[in-house]
Structures are given as structure tokens and as C-alpha cells.
């Protein structure tokens, strides 16, 4: 039986700490006042392991941003 693979999607994060929770204003980093944003793939953020994946889950992005942008691989 073949395992189902999920599509990767883009996540907007703080460009200083690379955390979605910072960009959403929940747990801001020390440099948030001068930070911009960066677009990272969810798979990259999981590998970085800087925050729990629930902060950038597709469900949370849909609730907070109104959309989930899939990556075109």
C-alpha cells in the first residue's frame, strides 16, 4: 500500500527568527520591530524545528490568513 504524501505549502514567517508564531504576533522575537517577512515551505520549517508545526499548519493558515498556498514542485 502506497503512503499518502501531503502537498507542501508556503508559510509566511518573520525573516529574523523564521517563525510563523512571531509573524502572527503570538511569540515575537527580539528583532521583530525591525523584521520583515520571508516565504518558506512548511517542509523546510519542519526541518528547522524552531517551533511546533501547529503554528504553521494548513488549518491555522486557513483560519488566520484565509488561504493555503500550495508549492508548485
N, C-alpha and C. Protein backbone atom coordinates (compact mmCIF):
# COMPACT_ATOMS: atom_id res chain seq x y z
N UNK A 1 0.84 -1.17 0.00
CA UNK A 1 0.00 0.00 0.00
C UNK A 1 0.89 1.25 0.00
N UNK A 2 0.64 2.15 -0.91
CA UNK A 2 1.43 3.36 -1.03
C UNK A 2 0.98 4.39 0.01
N UNK A 3 1.95 5.00 0.69
CA UNK A 3 1.65 6.00 1.69
C UNK A 3 1.25 7.31 1.01
N UNK A 4 0.21 7.96 1.54
CA UNK A 4 -0.23 9.23 1.00
C UNK A 4 0.79 10.32 1.33
N UNK A 5 1.11 11.15 0.36
CA UNK A 5 2.00 12.27 0.62
C UNK A 5 1.20 13.56 0.57
N UNK A 6 1.54 14.45 1.47
CA UNK A 6 0.86 15.75 1.52
C UNK A 6 1.58 16.72 0.61
N UNK A 7 0.82 17.60 0.04
CA UNK A 7 1.40 18.67 -0.76
C UNK A 7 2.07 19.67 0.17
N UNK A 8 3.21 20.18 -0.24
CA UNK A 8 3.88 21.21 0.52
C UNK A 8 3.17 22.54 0.27
N UNK A 9 3.33 23.47 1.19
CA UNK A 9 2.68 24.77 1.04
C UNK A 9 3.59 25.85 1.61
N UNK A 10 3.33 27.08 1.17
CA UNK A 10 4.12 28.24 1.59
C UNK A 10 3.61 28.78 2.91
N UNK A 11 4.55 29.23 3.73
CA UNK A 11 4.23 29.82 5.02
C UNK A 11 4.97 31.15 5.12
N UNK A 12 4.27 32.20 5.51
CA UNK A 12 4.91 33.49 5.75
C UNK A 12 5.44 33.49 7.18
N UNK A 13 6.71 33.84 7.34
CA UNK A 13 7.36 33.84 8.65
C UNK A 13 8.15 35.13 8.84
N UNK A 14 8.52 35.40 10.06
CA UNK A 14 9.42 36.51 10.38
C UNK A 14 10.78 36.22 9.74
N UNK A 15 11.36 37.20 9.06
CA UNK A 15 12.64 36.93 8.39
C UNK A 15 13.85 36.94 9.34
N UNK A 16 13.64 37.29 10.60
CA UNK A 16 14.73 37.26 11.58
C UNK A 16 14.80 35.92 12.30
N UNK A 17 13.66 35.41 12.77
CA UNK A 17 13.66 34.17 13.55
C UNK A 17 13.09 32.97 12.80
N UNK A 18 12.48 33.23 11.64
CA UNK A 18 11.87 32.19 10.80
C UNK A 18 10.76 31.41 11.53
N UNK A 19 9.96 32.14 12.30
CA UNK A 19 8.83 31.51 12.99
C UNK A 19 7.52 32.18 12.58
N UNK A 20 6.53 31.35 12.30
CA UNK A 20 5.20 31.86 11.96
C UNK A 20 4.54 32.51 13.17
N UNK A 21 4.76 31.95 14.36
CA UNK A 21 4.15 32.50 15.56
C UNK A 21 4.61 33.93 15.82
N UNK A 22 5.82 34.27 15.43
CA UNK A 22 6.32 35.64 15.56
C UNK A 22 5.60 36.55 14.57
N UNK A 23 5.52 36.13 13.33
CA UNK A 23 4.86 36.95 12.31
C UNK A 23 3.39 37.18 12.66
N UNK A 24 2.74 36.20 13.29
CA UNK A 24 1.35 36.34 13.68
C UNK A 24 1.19 37.14 14.98
N UNK A 25 2.31 37.52 15.61
CA UNK A 25 2.27 38.35 16.80
C UNK A 25 2.01 37.61 18.10
N UNK A 26 2.14 36.30 18.08
CA UNK A 26 1.88 35.49 19.29
C UNK A 26 3.10 35.42 20.20
N UNK A 27 4.25 35.08 19.65
CA UNK A 27 5.50 34.97 20.40
C UNK A 27 6.57 35.69 19.59
N UNK A 28 6.71 36.99 19.79
CA UNK A 28 7.60 37.79 18.95
C UNK A 28 9.05 37.68 19.40
N UNK A 29 9.95 37.74 18.45
CA UNK A 29 11.38 37.67 18.75
C UNK A 29 11.90 39.06 19.09
N UNK A 30 13.13 39.12 19.57
CA UNK A 30 13.74 40.39 19.97
C UNK A 30 13.92 41.36 18.81
N UNK A 31 13.99 40.83 17.60
CA UNK A 31 14.20 41.69 16.42
C UNK A 31 12.92 41.94 15.63
N UNK A 32 11.80 41.60 16.17
CA UNK A 32 10.54 41.71 15.43
C UNK A 32 10.23 43.14 15.00
N UNK A 33 10.68 44.11 15.77
CA UNK A 33 10.39 45.52 15.45
C UNK A 33 11.11 46.01 14.19
N UNK A 34 12.14 45.30 13.76
CA UNK A 34 12.85 45.68 12.52
C UNK A 34 12.77 44.56 11.48
N UNK A 35 11.97 43.56 11.74
CA UNK A 35 11.90 42.40 10.84
C UNK A 35 10.93 42.62 9.69
N UNK A 36 11.17 41.86 8.66
CA UNK A 36 10.26 41.78 7.54
C UNK A 36 9.67 40.37 7.52
N UNK A 37 9.29 39.93 6.36
CA UNK A 37 8.75 38.59 6.23
C UNK A 37 9.52 37.80 5.19
N UNK A 38 9.41 36.49 5.28
CA UNK A 38 10.01 35.58 4.31
C UNK A 38 9.00 34.48 4.02
N UNK A 39 9.09 33.90 2.86
CA UNK A 39 8.23 32.78 2.47
C UNK A 39 9.06 31.51 2.54
N UNK A 40 8.62 30.56 3.34
CA UNK A 40 9.31 29.29 3.48
C UNK A 40 8.31 28.16 3.25
N UNK A 41 8.82 27.03 2.77
CA UNK A 41 7.97 25.85 2.62
C UNK A 41 7.76 25.24 4.00
N UNK A 42 6.58 24.69 4.23
CA UNK A 42 6.28 24.03 5.50
C UNK A 42 7.28 22.92 5.78
N UNK A 43 7.69 22.19 4.76
CA UNK A 43 8.66 21.11 4.94
C UNK A 43 10.01 21.65 5.44
N UNK A 44 10.43 22.84 4.98
CA UNK A 44 11.67 23.45 5.45
C UNK A 44 11.55 23.84 6.92
N UNK A 45 10.40 24.40 7.29
CA UNK A 45 10.19 24.82 8.67
C UNK A 45 10.18 23.63 9.62
N UNK A 46 9.62 22.51 9.16
CA UNK A 46 9.62 21.31 10.00
C UNK A 46 11.05 20.84 10.26
N UNK A 47 11.91 20.92 9.24
CA UNK A 47 13.31 20.51 9.40
C UNK A 47 14.07 21.46 10.33
N UNK A 48 13.77 22.76 10.25
CA UNK A 48 14.43 23.74 11.12
C UNK A 48 14.05 23.54 12.59
N UNK A 49 12.83 23.08 12.83
CA UNK A 49 12.35 22.76 14.18
C UNK A 49 12.47 23.94 15.15
N UNK A 50 12.08 25.13 14.70
CA UNK A 50 12.15 26.32 15.56
C UNK A 50 10.89 26.55 16.36
N UNK A 51 9.80 25.87 15.97
CA UNK A 51 8.54 25.97 16.70
C UNK A 51 7.70 24.75 16.37
N UNK A 52 6.68 24.53 17.17
CA UNK A 52 5.81 23.38 16.93
C UNK A 52 5.10 23.56 15.59
N UNK A 53 4.99 22.50 14.79
CA UNK A 53 4.35 22.59 13.48
C UNK A 53 2.90 23.09 13.50
N UNK A 54 2.25 23.03 14.64
CA UNK A 54 0.88 23.53 14.70
C UNK A 54 0.81 25.03 14.42
N UNK A 55 1.90 25.75 14.65
CA UNK A 55 1.92 27.19 14.38
C UNK A 55 1.85 27.51 12.89
N UNK A 56 2.25 26.57 12.06
CA UNK A 56 2.18 26.81 10.61
C UNK A 56 1.40 25.70 9.90
N UNK A 57 0.47 25.10 10.61
CA UNK A 57 -0.36 24.05 10.00
C UNK A 57 -1.29 24.66 8.94
N UNK A 58 -1.68 23.86 8.00
CA UNK A 58 -2.60 24.32 6.96
C UNK A 58 -3.90 24.83 7.58
N UNK A 59 -4.36 24.15 8.61
CA UNK A 59 -5.60 24.57 9.28
C UNK A 59 -5.44 25.96 9.88
N UNK A 60 -4.33 26.21 10.57
CA UNK A 60 -4.11 27.52 11.19
C UNK A 60 -3.96 28.61 10.14
N UNK A 61 -3.26 28.31 9.05
CA UNK A 61 -3.11 29.29 7.98
C UNK A 61 -4.46 29.63 7.35
N UNK A 62 -5.28 28.63 7.17
CA UNK A 62 -6.61 28.85 6.60
C UNK A 62 -7.45 29.73 7.52
N UNK A 63 -7.39 29.45 8.81
CA UNK A 63 -8.16 30.24 9.79
C UNK A 63 -7.63 31.67 9.90
N UNK A 64 -6.32 31.84 9.94
CA UNK A 64 -5.73 33.15 10.16
C UNK A 64 -5.56 34.00 8.91
N UNK A 65 -5.23 33.36 7.80
CA UNK A 65 -4.93 34.10 6.57
C UNK A 65 -5.99 33.93 5.48
N UNK A 66 -6.82 32.94 5.65
CA UNK A 66 -7.89 32.72 4.68
C UNK A 66 -7.50 31.89 3.47
N UNK A 67 -6.24 31.45 3.42
CA UNK A 67 -5.82 30.63 2.29
C UNK A 67 -4.58 29.80 2.64
N UNK A 68 -4.36 28.77 1.88
CA UNK A 68 -3.15 27.96 1.96
C UNK A 68 -2.60 27.91 0.54
N UNK A 69 -1.38 28.40 0.36
CA UNK A 69 -0.78 28.46 -0.98
C UNK A 69 0.12 27.26 -1.20
N UNK A 70 -0.30 26.37 -2.07
CA UNK A 70 0.48 25.16 -2.36
C UNK A 70 1.71 25.50 -3.18
N UNK A 71 2.76 24.75 -2.95
CA UNK A 71 4.00 24.91 -3.71
C UNK A 71 3.87 24.17 -5.03
N UNK A 72 4.37 24.76 -6.05
CA UNK A 72 4.40 24.13 -7.37
C UNK A 72 5.76 23.48 -7.56
N UNK A 73 5.84 22.18 -7.35
CA UNK A 73 7.13 21.48 -7.50
C UNK A 73 7.30 20.93 -8.88
